[in-house]
Amino acid sequence: MEKTRELATENPAKLLLKYSWPALVAMTLSALYSVVDRLYIGRGCGEAAMAGLTLNFPVMMLFGAFGVFVGAGHAAVLSIKLGAGDRTACEKILGQMVAFKLVFFFILPPLVFFNADTVLGWCGGGRLSPQALDCARRYLKIVLFSHLFSHLAFGFSALMRSEGSARSSMMCMVVGFGSNVILDPFFIFGPSNPVVLRLFGRSWSLPGLDMGIEGAAWATNIAMFASFAYAAWHFTSGRAVVRLRLSRIRFYRGLIAKPCGIGFAPFLQQLLGSVINLALSASFSKWAEDEASATAQVASLGVFQSVLILTLMPVLGAQQGIQPIIGYNWGARNFKRVRSAAVSGFWITSAICVLACFVQVVPPFPRILASMFVPAGNTALLDLATHDLILSNCMIWCIGLNIVATTYFQSIGHPATAIFLSSMRQGVVMLPIVWLLPHLMKDHAFAIWLSMPVSDVVCCLMTAVPAYLHLKFLASVRERAAISVST
């Protein structure tokens, strides 16, 4: 088919741009689910609500880690199987992905729901204001059960990209994000703060449901279902390269190890991200002078997380565009195209990282970004969040190499190397520094934020060696192939 032929014949740089922009949009919009909630809640519900939502972030990342474990691993194997021409295995991979998602859903949400206070306590909720902790609890207990639809939608979206349906993957995210943007203000705000619609030169003032932070949770649930419905329609309507069949939704002994091995690298990366965010919120709570300071620092952490998602999700979207190109051509043993795609991906990713660093460090952009999530008039929180953004992201321009290298080794089925690279920044370097530096420096908050640029630099230096060695390997394979053809 045309979608798979272009993976084998189209110019890699041109193909990368073609696949990356829909994936970039899809990944950015998927990340904006939580960012939109924070934007409305931060501006309309206050500092305590923002801090409460931040407490939930490690829990959401933990759930997302299991989603990535299944989705990324099966997407990579699907690309390889498509390259090898094994359509039966592709249908089995799709069905097994659904089976994994169902199993995780029936285990994880109930476990967290009945232990919500304990989980939030681990995140540092014990030292926050009672209002912040109550907001965190109410949001978490509502949004938990949308994860069946969100995980299936994100998993389907990853497999759409792997089969060459990058635009359908993008539309899957557009449907959900659009629903969330529209529903959030209606569910959160009340009659005293109506939603104003402007269309064709006319304005309508519509009252909301006045549900506050609970409204944001319900809007997210509905949006997740909308994404899932679109993705399910794609794979069952005959539009997909690989069709979803109910008879294929089960586990296959011979197809479990490879997707799990490949998916373990991004799973570990996101799991460590969850642990890091938990460690950050717990550290700010532990070292803060009082309850008010702890709430302000955790709210500032929420601003940092939101801005980081806005600026770095395009990087992850670009990696999703690279993955099917590398995976397909590795499966087809076309190593010249593998190397070309990897190099092109590095330059594109590095450019995005430099731009992300610029807008988070160079005035007045950090203050403008922070103001999107801070209640009007709260200048103390705005000053704090602006300072924290500049300090924490001053070296983020150098992490592109690690991101591309992790995606490359994941795509070619080398999970051990991908796991090492993905765990390096947050597990090997950053986590120990987060716990150690506050003991060594008088300014405890400064010490916690300083751990981020330090880990960025160390991670880049450690990634350079395996990335360089494998590029040399690809070059040597290409030269041997050229010699064999000429003789």
Protein backbone atom coordinates (compact mmCIF):
# COMPACT_ATOMS: atom_id res chain seq x y z
CA MET A 1 0.00 0.00 0.00
CA GLU A 2 0.98 3.64 -0.54
CA LYS A 3 1.47 4.35 3.19
CA THR A 4 4.05 1.60 3.63
CA ARG A 5 5.74 2.12 0.23
CA GLU A 6 6.61 5.70 1.07
CA LEU A 7 8.35 4.55 4.27
CA ALA A 8 10.71 2.56 2.06
CA THR A 9 11.19 4.95 -0.89
CA GLU A 10 10.51 8.60 0.08
CA ASN A 11 13.40 10.94 0.91
CA PRO A 12 14.02 10.46 4.68
CA ALA A 13 14.25 14.18 5.51
CA LYS A 14 11.08 14.97 3.54
CA LEU A 15 9.31 11.97 5.04
CA LEU A 16 10.38 12.99 8.54
CA LEU A 17 8.79 16.41 8.12
CA LYS A 18 5.65 14.83 6.67
CA TYR A 19 5.29 12.43 9.60
CA SER A 20 6.52 14.79 12.30
CA TRP A 21 4.12 17.69 11.93
CA PRO A 22 0.96 15.60 12.47
CA ALA A 23 2.69 13.69 15.27
CA LEU A 24 3.92 16.99 16.71
CA VAL A 25 0.38 18.37 16.73
CA ALA A 26 -1.01 15.11 18.16
CA MET A 27 1.52 14.89 21.00
CA THR A 28 1.20 18.58 21.83
CA LEU A 29 -2.58 18.38 21.98
CA SER A 30 -2.48 15.20 24.09
CA ALA A 31 -0.27 17.00 26.60
CA LEU A 32 -2.53 20.04 26.56
CA TYR A 33 -5.32 18.10 28.27
CA SER A 34 -3.72 18.75 31.64
CA VAL A 35 -2.34 22.14 30.63
CA VAL A 36 -5.78 23.47 29.71
CA ASP A 37 -7.12 22.32 33.08
CA ARG A 38 -4.29 24.14 34.84
CA LEU A 39 -4.77 27.27 32.77
CA TYR A 40 -8.45 27.58 33.72
CA ILE A 41 -7.95 26.41 37.30
CA GLY A 42 -4.86 28.53 37.92
CA ARG A 43 -6.51 31.67 36.58
CA GLY A 44 -10.02 31.07 37.90
CA CYS A 45 -9.79 28.89 41.03
CA GLY A 46 -6.70 30.23 42.79
CA GLU A 47 -3.34 29.16 44.19
CA ALA A 48 -4.68 26.37 46.42
CA ALA A 49 -6.46 24.70 43.49
CA MET A 50 -3.31 24.96 41.36
CA ALA A 51 -1.25 23.36 44.14
CA GLY A 52 -3.85 20.60 44.53
CA LEU A 53 -3.80 19.82 40.82
CA THR A 54 0.01 19.68 40.94
CA LEU A 55 -0.16 17.04 43.67
CA ASN A 56 -2.05 14.83 41.23
CA PHE A 57 0.56 15.14 38.49
CA PRO A 58 2.85 12.29 39.66
CA VAL A 59 -0.19 10.00 39.85
CA MET A 60 -1.24 10.92 36.31
CA MET A 61 2.32 10.35 35.09
CA LEU A 62 2.36 6.95 36.77
CA PHE A 63 -0.79 5.96 34.90
CA GLY A 64 0.71 7.40 31.72
CA ALA A 65 3.83 5.29 32.22
CA PHE A 66 1.80 2.09 31.98
CA GLY A 67 0.05 3.50 28.91
CA VAL A 68 3.37 4.25 27.23
CA PHE A 69 4.69 0.83 28.23
CA VAL A 70 1.96 -0.79 26.15
CA GLY A 71 1.50 1.78 23.39
CA ALA A 72 5.11 2.59 22.50
CA GLY A 73 6.26 -1.04 22.58
CA HIS A 74 3.44 -2.30 20.40
CA ALA A 75 3.79 0.66 18.02
CA ALA A 76 7.49 -0.07 17.48
CA VAL A 77 6.85 -3.78 16.82
CA LEU A 78 3.98 -2.90 14.47
CA SER A 79 6.36 -0.79 12.36
CA ILE A 80 8.87 -3.63 12.20
CA LYS A 81 6.20 -6.21 11.28
CA LEU A 82 4.81 -3.91 8.57
CA GLY A 83 8.34 -3.56 7.17
CA ALA A 84 8.65 -7.35 7.12
CA GLY A 85 5.22 -7.69 5.45
CA ASP A 86 3.62 -9.79 8.23
CA ARG A 87 0.01 -8.48 8.31
CA THR A 88 -1.32 -11.28 10.52
CA ALA A 89 1.20 -10.40 13.23
CA CYS A 90 0.18 -6.74 12.88
CA GLU A 91 -3.46 -7.55 13.66
CA LYS A 92 -2.39 -9.60 16.65
CA ILE A 93 -0.22 -6.71 17.91
CA LEU A 94 -3.20 -4.35 17.69
CA GLY A 95 -5.50 -6.75 19.54
CA GLN A 96 -2.92 -7.47 22.22
CA MET A 97 -2.46 -3.75 22.84
CA VAL A 98 -6.18 -3.47 23.62
CA ALA A 99 -6.02 -6.49 25.94
CA PHE A 100 -3.13 -4.95 27.90
CA LYS A 101 -4.97 -1.66 28.30
CA LEU A 102 -8.07 -3.41 29.67
CA VAL A 103 -6.05 -5.36 32.24
CA PHE A 104 -4.27 -2.26 33.53
CA PHE A 105 -7.54 -0.33 33.80
CA PHE A 106 -9.21 -2.89 36.04
CA ILE A 107 -6.21 -2.91 38.40
CA LEU A 108 -4.76 0.60 38.72
CA PRO A 109 -7.71 3.05 39.10
CA PRO A 110 -9.49 1.10 41.89
CA LEU A 111 -6.19 0.71 43.72
CA VAL A 112 -5.56 4.46 43.73
CA PHE A 113 -9.21 5.42 44.34
CA PHE A 114 -9.42 3.58 47.67
CA ASN A 115 -6.01 4.88 48.81
CA ALA A 116 -6.23 8.46 47.52
CA ASP A 117 -5.25 10.16 50.81
CA THR A 118 -2.22 7.93 51.24
CA VAL A 119 -1.06 8.55 47.67
CA LEU A 120 -1.46 12.32 47.98
CA GLY A 121 0.40 12.19 51.29
CA TRP A 122 3.38 10.61 49.53
CA CYS A 123 3.34 13.57 47.13
CA GLY A 124 3.74 16.03 50.00
CA GLY A 125 0.09 16.84 50.56
CA GLY A 126 0.45 16.62 54.34
CA ARG A 127 2.15 20.03 54.56
CA LEU A 128 -0.11 21.88 52.13
CA SER A 129 -3.17 23.90 53.07
CA PRO A 130 -6.39 21.93 53.71
CA GLN A 131 -7.97 23.66 50.69
CA ALA A 132 -5.20 22.46 48.36
CA LEU A 133 -5.41 18.88 49.64
CA ASP A 134 -9.19 18.84 49.28
CA CYS A 135 -8.94 20.07 45.65
CA ALA A 136 -6.41 17.35 44.88
CA ARG A 137 -8.62 14.62 46.36
CA ARG A 138 -11.80 15.71 44.55
CA TYR A 139 -10.11 16.00 41.15
CA LEU A 140 -8.29 12.68 41.45
CA LYS A 141 -11.31 10.59 42.41
CA ILE A 142 -13.30 11.82 39.40
CA VAL A 143 -10.66 11.71 36.69
CA LEU A 144 -9.31 8.25 37.57
CA PHE A 145 -11.92 6.28 35.69
CA SER A 146 -11.48 8.09 32.37
CA HIS A 147 -8.16 6.30 31.99
CA LEU A 148 -9.73 3.37 30.17
CA PHE A 149 -10.66 5.70 27.32
CA SER A 150 -7.54 7.88 27.48
CA HIS A 151 -5.15 4.93 27.43
CA LEU A 152 -6.96 3.26 24.56
CA ALA A 153 -7.05 6.54 22.64
CA PHE A 154 -3.33 7.22 23.13
CA GLY A 155 -2.45 3.61 22.31
CA PHE A 156 -4.51 3.68 19.13
CA SER A 157 -2.94 7.02 18.22
CA ALA A 158 0.58 5.57 18.52
CA LEU A 159 -0.33 2.61 16.31
CA MET A 160 -1.90 4.96 13.74
CA ARG A 161 1.47 6.68 13.37
CA SER A 162 3.23 3.34 13.05
CA GLU A 163 0.99 2.23 10.18
CA GLY A 164 1.52 5.54 8.38
CA SER A 165 -1.79 7.21 9.35
CA ALA A 166 -0.14 10.24 10.93
CA ARG A 167 -3.01 12.60 10.13
CA SER A 168 -5.59 10.27 11.66
CA SER A 169 -3.40 10.10 14.77
CA MET A 170 -3.41 13.88 14.86
CA MET A 171 -7.19 14.05 14.44
CA CYS A 172 -7.63 11.62 17.33
CA MET A 173 -5.96 14.17 19.59
CA VAL A 174 -7.68 17.16 17.96
CA VAL A 175 -11.11 15.69 18.74
CA GLY A 176 -10.30 15.19 22.42
CA PHE A 177 -8.45 18.45 22.92
CA GLY A 178 -11.15 20.44 21.17
CA SER A 179 -13.79 18.87 23.40
CA ASN A 180 -11.76 19.70 26.52
CA VAL A 181 -11.19 23.33 25.52
CA ILE A 182 -14.90 23.85 24.87
CA LEU A 183 -16.20 22.01 27.95
CA ASP A 184 -13.69 23.24 30.57
CA PRO A 185 -15.01 26.81 30.98
CA PHE A 186 -18.65 25.66 31.01
CA PHE A 187 -18.00 23.04 33.68
CA ILE A 188 -15.61 25.11 35.84
CA PHE A 189 -17.15 28.60 35.96
CA GLY A 190 -20.59 29.68 37.20
CA PRO A 191 -23.22 32.34 36.46
CA SER A 192 -21.15 35.04 38.18
CA ASN A 193 -18.31 34.40 35.70
CA PRO A 194 -20.11 33.48 32.45
CA VAL A 195 -18.54 32.10 29.29
CA VAL A 196 -18.63 34.62 26.44
CA LEU A 197 -18.87 33.34 22.86
CA ARG A 198 -18.18 35.61 19.89
CA LEU A 199 -19.31 34.52 16.44
CA PHE A 200 -19.99 36.50 13.26
CA GLY A 201 -19.66 39.78 15.10
CA ARG A 202 -22.15 38.87 17.82
CA SER A 203 -21.58 37.89 21.46
CA TRP A 204 -23.44 35.46 23.68
CA SER A 205 -22.98 35.24 27.44
CA LEU A 206 -23.68 31.71 28.66
CA PRO A 207 -23.69 30.64 32.34
CA GLY A 208 -21.57 27.69 33.37
CA LEU A 209 -22.23 24.81 35.74
CA ASP A 210 -20.06 26.28 38.56
CA MET A 211 -18.35 22.93 39.38
CA GLY A 212 -14.85 24.34 39.92
CA ILE A 213 -12.04 21.82 39.93
CA GLU A 214 -14.54 18.93 39.71
CA GLY A 215 -15.82 20.45 36.47
CA ALA A 216 -12.31 20.28 35.01
CA ALA A 217 -12.21 16.56 35.85
CA TRP A 218 -15.57 15.85 34.19
CA ALA A 219 -14.62 17.85 31.09
CA THR A 220 -11.44 15.76 30.81
CA ASN A 221 -13.42 12.52 31.13
CA ILE A 222 -15.77 13.46 28.29
CA ALA A 223 -12.88 14.62 26.09
CA MET A 224 -11.02 11.35 26.61
CA PHE A 225 -14.08 9.39 25.54
CA ALA A 226 -14.36 11.50 22.38
CA SER A 227 -10.75 10.69 21.42
CA PHE A 228 -11.32 7.00 22.06
CA ALA A 229 -14.50 6.96 19.94
CA TYR A 230 -12.68 8.49 16.96
CA ALA A 231 -9.74 6.07 17.27
CA ALA A 232 -12.00 3.02 17.58
CA TRP A 233 -13.91 4.13 14.48
CA HIS A 234 -10.63 4.43 12.54
CA PHE A 235 -9.50 0.88 13.27
CA THR A 236 -12.91 -0.75 12.73
CA SER A 237 -14.20 1.18 9.71
CA GLY A 238 -11.79 -0.20 7.10
CA ARG A 239 -9.76 3.02 6.81
CA ALA A 240 -6.78 1.60 8.70
CA VAL A 241 -3.90 -0.40 7.22
CA VAL A 242 -4.27 -2.80 10.16
CA ARG A 243 -7.85 -3.64 11.14
CA LEU A 244 -9.03 -4.21 14.71
CA ARG A 245 -10.92 -7.50 15.04
CA LEU A 246 -12.63 -8.55 18.26
CA SER A 247 -11.31 -12.08 17.84
CA ARG A 248 -7.74 -10.73 18.02
CA ILE A 249 -8.18 -8.99 21.41
CA ARG A 250 -6.14 -11.32 23.59
CA PHE A 251 -2.55 -12.10 24.54
CA TYR A 252 -0.14 -13.97 22.24
CA ARG A 253 2.71 -15.80 23.90
CA GLY A 254 5.13 -15.23 21.04
CA LEU A 255 4.36 -11.51 20.76
CA ILE A 256 4.52 -10.39 24.40
CA ALA A 257 8.26 -10.23 25.07
CA LYS A 258 9.32 -7.91 22.24
CA PRO A 259 6.73 -5.13 22.77
CA CYS A 260 7.25 -5.26 26.54
CA GLY A 261 11.02 -5.12 26.13
CA ILE A 262 10.84 -2.14 23.81
CA GLY A 263 8.10 -0.41 25.78
CA PHE A 264 10.04 -0.75 29.04
CA ALA A 265 12.40 2.10 28.06
CA PRO A 266 9.74 4.82 27.69
CA PHE A 267 7.85 3.25 30.63
CA LEU A 268 10.90 3.64 32.82
CA GLN A 269 11.44 7.16 31.55
CA GLN A 270 7.89 8.22 32.42
CA LEU A 271 7.93 6.26 35.67
CA LEU A 272 11.05 8.09 36.71
CA GLY A 273 9.36 11.32 35.64
CA SER A 274 6.54 10.46 38.02
CA VAL A 275 9.01 9.71 40.81
CA ILE A 276 10.91 12.95 40.10
CA ASN A 277 7.75 15.05 40.23
CA LEU A 278 6.72 13.28 43.42
CA ALA A 279 10.18 13.95 44.86
CA LEU A 280 10.00 17.61 43.84
CA SER A 281 6.59 18.25 45.41
CA ALA A 282 7.55 16.28 48.53
CA SER A 283 10.88 18.14 48.81
CA PHE A 284 9.30 21.57 48.45
CA SER A 285 6.78 20.60 51.12
CA LYS A 286 9.46 19.21 53.44
CA TRP A 287 11.86 22.15 53.22
CA ALA A 288 9.27 24.97 53.16
CA GLU A 289 9.11 27.18 56.24
CA ASP A 290 5.37 26.86 56.72
CA GLU A 291 2.10 25.74 55.14
CA ALA A 292 1.72 28.88 53.03
CA SER A 293 5.25 28.62 51.63
CA ALA A 294 4.76 24.94 50.82
CA THR A 295 1.52 25.68 48.95
CA ALA A 296 3.17 28.51 46.97
CA GLN A 297 6.19 26.38 46.01
CA VAL A 298 4.02 23.46 44.86
CA ALA A 299 1.82 25.88 42.88
CA SER A 300 5.00 27.25 41.25
CA LEU A 301 5.99 23.67 40.44
CA GLY A 302 2.62 23.31 38.70
CA VAL A 303 3.40 26.37 36.55
CA PHE A 304 6.81 24.90 35.68
CA GLN A 305 5.28 21.56 34.68
CA SER A 306 2.67 23.24 32.50
CA VAL A 307 5.16 25.47 30.69
CA LEU A 308 7.56 22.56 30.19
CA ILE A 309 4.79 20.52 28.59
CA LEU A 310 3.91 23.39 26.27
CA THR A 311 7.50 23.90 25.13
CA LEU A 312 8.82 20.32 25.01
CA MET A 313 5.88 18.30 23.72
CA PRO A 314 6.79 19.30 20.16
CA VAL A 315 10.09 17.47 20.76
CA LEU A 316 8.29 14.27 21.70
CA GLY A 317 5.96 14.74 18.75
CA ALA A 318 8.97 14.89 16.44
CA GLN A 319 10.21 11.60 17.94
CA GLN A 320 6.88 9.98 17.16
CA GLY A 321 7.40 11.05 13.55
CA ILE A 322 10.89 9.54 13.47
CA GLN A 323 9.91 6.21 15.04
CA PRO A 324 8.00 4.59 12.14
CA ILE A 325 10.64 5.67 9.60
CA ILE A 326 13.49 4.15 11.60
CA GLY A 327 11.52 1.05 12.62
CA TYR A 328 10.23 0.25 9.13
CA ASN A 329 13.60 0.66 7.42
CA TRP A 330 15.42 -1.25 10.15
CA GLY A 331 13.00 -4.11 9.58
CA ALA A 332 13.59 -3.82 5.81
CA ARG A 333 17.42 -3.74 6.45
CA ASN A 334 17.78 -0.37 4.70
CA PHE A 335 20.45 1.04 7.02
CA LYS A 336 21.29 4.06 4.87
CA ARG A 337 17.78 5.40 5.36
CA VAL A 338 17.92 4.56 9.09
CA ARG A 339 21.02 6.70 9.53
CA SER A 340 19.62 9.55 7.45
CA ALA A 341 16.39 9.62 9.48
CA ALA A 342 18.31 9.57 12.79
CA VAL A 343 20.58 12.47 11.78
CA SER A 344 17.67 14.54 10.45
CA GLY A 345 15.75 13.83 13.64
CA PHE A 346 18.66 15.05 15.76
CA TRP A 347 18.86 18.43 14.02
CA ILE A 348 15.11 19.00 14.15
CA THR A 349 14.91 18.00 17.82
CA SER A 350 17.90 20.15 18.78
CA ALA A 351 16.38 23.19 17.07
CA ILE A 352 13.14 22.73 19.03
CA CYS A 353 15.07 22.35 22.31
CA VAL A 354 17.02 25.57 21.67
CA LEU A 355 13.77 27.42 20.99
CA ALA A 356 12.20 25.92 24.14
CA CYS A 357 15.16 27.14 26.20
CA PHE A 358 14.96 30.62 24.69
CA VAL A 359 11.29 31.21 25.53
CA GLN A 360 11.72 29.93 29.10
CA VAL A 361 14.88 31.86 29.95
CA VAL A 362 15.04 35.13 27.98
CA PRO A 363 12.86 37.98 29.40
CA PRO A 364 10.02 38.83 29.06
CA PHE A 365 8.90 35.41 27.84
CA PRO A 366 9.20 33.49 31.15
CA ARG A 367 6.96 35.98 32.93
CA ILE A 368 4.43 35.95 30.09
CA LEU A 369 4.28 32.14 30.15
CA ALA A 370 3.99 32.00 33.95
CA SER A 371 1.20 34.59 33.96
CA MET A 372 -1.00 32.19 31.95
CA PHE A 373 -1.32 29.94 35.02
CA VAL A 374 -1.28 32.44 37.90
CA PRO A 375 -4.38 34.21 39.28
CA ALA A 376 -4.54 37.87 38.31
CA GLY A 377 -3.14 40.05 41.08
CA ASN A 378 -1.03 37.33 42.73
CA THR A 379 2.29 39.03 42.00
CA ALA A 380 4.16 37.04 44.66
CA LEU A 381 3.38 33.72 42.96
CA LEU A 382 4.08 35.21 39.52
CA ASP A 383 7.54 36.45 40.62
CA LEU A 384 8.32 33.08 42.20
CA ALA A 385 7.21 31.06 39.15
CA THR A 386 9.15 33.31 36.73
CA HIS A 387 12.37 32.93 38.72
CA ASP A 388 11.92 29.16 38.95
CA LEU A 389 11.35 28.81 35.20
CA ILE A 390 14.57 30.63 34.34
CA LEU A 391 16.70 28.68 36.79
CA SER A 392 15.33 25.23 36.04
CA ASN A 393 15.41 25.44 32.22
CA CYS A 394 18.60 27.36 31.49
CA MET A 395 20.35 24.22 30.11
CA ILE A 396 17.40 22.45 28.52
CA TRP A 397 18.78 23.22 25.04
CA CYS A 398 21.23 20.30 25.34
CA ILE A 399 18.83 17.40 26.01
CA GLY A 400 17.86 16.78 22.37
CA LEU A 401 20.63 14.22 21.85
CA ASN A 402 19.39 12.02 24.68
CA ILE A 403 15.79 12.15 23.45
CA VAL A 404 16.70 11.21 19.86
CA ALA A 405 19.09 8.46 20.94
CA THR A 406 16.46 6.91 23.21
CA THR A 407 13.90 6.94 20.39
CA TYR A 408 16.42 5.45 17.95
CA PHE A 409 17.37 2.48 20.11
CA GLN A 410 13.74 1.91 21.04
CA SER A 411 12.73 1.91 17.35
CA ILE A 412 15.34 -0.64 16.26
CA GLY A 413 14.49 -3.06 19.06
CA HIS A 414 17.47 -2.45 21.41
CA PRO A 415 15.58 -2.02 24.70
CA ALA A 416 18.58 -2.34 27.02
CA THR A 417 20.36 0.68 25.54
CA ALA A 418 17.11 2.66 25.34
CA ILE A 419 16.36 1.89 29.00
CA PHE A 420 19.82 3.04 30.07
CA LEU A 421 19.55 6.30 28.14
CA SER A 422 15.97 7.04 29.21
CA SER A 423 16.73 6.49 32.90
CA MET A 424 19.96 8.47 32.91
CA ARG A 425 18.69 12.02 33.32
CA GLN A 426 16.02 11.43 35.94
CA GLY A 427 17.09 8.23 37.67
CA VAL A 428 20.88 8.21 37.66
CA VAL A 429 21.54 11.94 37.93
CA MET A 430 18.57 14.08 38.94
CA LEU A 431 16.87 12.07 41.67
CA PRO A 432 19.93 11.84 43.94
CA ILE A 433 20.64 15.56 43.48
CA VAL A 434 17.07 16.53 44.41
CA TRP A 435 17.48 14.79 47.77
CA LEU A 436 21.13 15.73 48.38
CA LEU A 437 21.52 19.42 47.48
CA PRO A 438 19.01 20.83 50.04
CA HIS A 439 21.18 19.32 52.77
CA LEU A 440 24.26 21.14 51.40
CA MET A 441 22.84 24.61 50.60
CA LYS A 442 21.12 27.17 52.79
CA ASP A 443 18.61 28.16 50.10
CA HIS A 444 16.72 24.86 49.93
CA ALA A 445 14.33 25.84 47.14
CA PHE A 446 17.21 27.10 44.98
CA ALA A 447 19.03 23.80 45.54
CA ILE A 448 16.02 21.76 44.41
CA TRP A 449 15.57 23.78 41.20
CA LEU A 450 19.34 23.66 40.49
CA SER A 451 19.20 19.87 40.12
CA MET A 452 17.50 20.24 36.73
CA PRO A 453 20.17 22.13 34.71
CA VAL A 454 22.91 20.01 36.30
CA SER A 455 21.22 16.79 35.19
CA ASP A 456 20.64 18.17 31.67
CA VAL A 457 24.37 18.74 31.11
CA VAL A 458 25.54 15.43 32.59
CA CYS A 459 22.93 13.50 30.62
CA CYS A 460 24.00 15.07 27.31
CA LEU A 461 27.65 14.20 27.89
CA MET A 462 26.89 10.58 28.80
CA THR A 463 24.63 10.07 25.77
CA ALA A 464 27.23 11.25 23.25
CA VAL A 465 29.28 8.03 23.43
CA PRO A 466 26.67 5.36 22.52
CA ALA A 467 25.09 7.70 19.93
CA TYR A 468 28.43 8.28 18.18
CA LEU A 469 29.35 4.59 18.20
CA HIS A 470 26.07 3.53 16.63
CA LEU A 471 26.28 6.19 13.93
CA LYS A 472 29.69 4.77 13.04
CA PHE A 473 28.16 1.29 12.92
CA LEU A 474 25.44 2.44 10.49
CA ALA A 475 28.05 4.11 8.30
CA SER A 476 30.17 0.95 8.20
CA VAL A 477 27.16 -1.23 7.33
CA ARG A 478 26.27 1.14 4.51
CA GLU A 479 29.82 1.02 3.14
CA ARG A 480 29.90 -2.80 3.25
CA ALA A 481 26.59 -2.92 1.42
CA ALA A 482 27.89 -0.56 -1.27
CA ILE A 483 31.04 -2.66 -1.76
CA SER A 484 29.05 -5.89 -2.07
CA VAL A 485 26.76 -4.32 -4.68
CA SER A 486 29.69 -3.02 -6.77
CA THR A 487 31.40 -6.41 -6.77
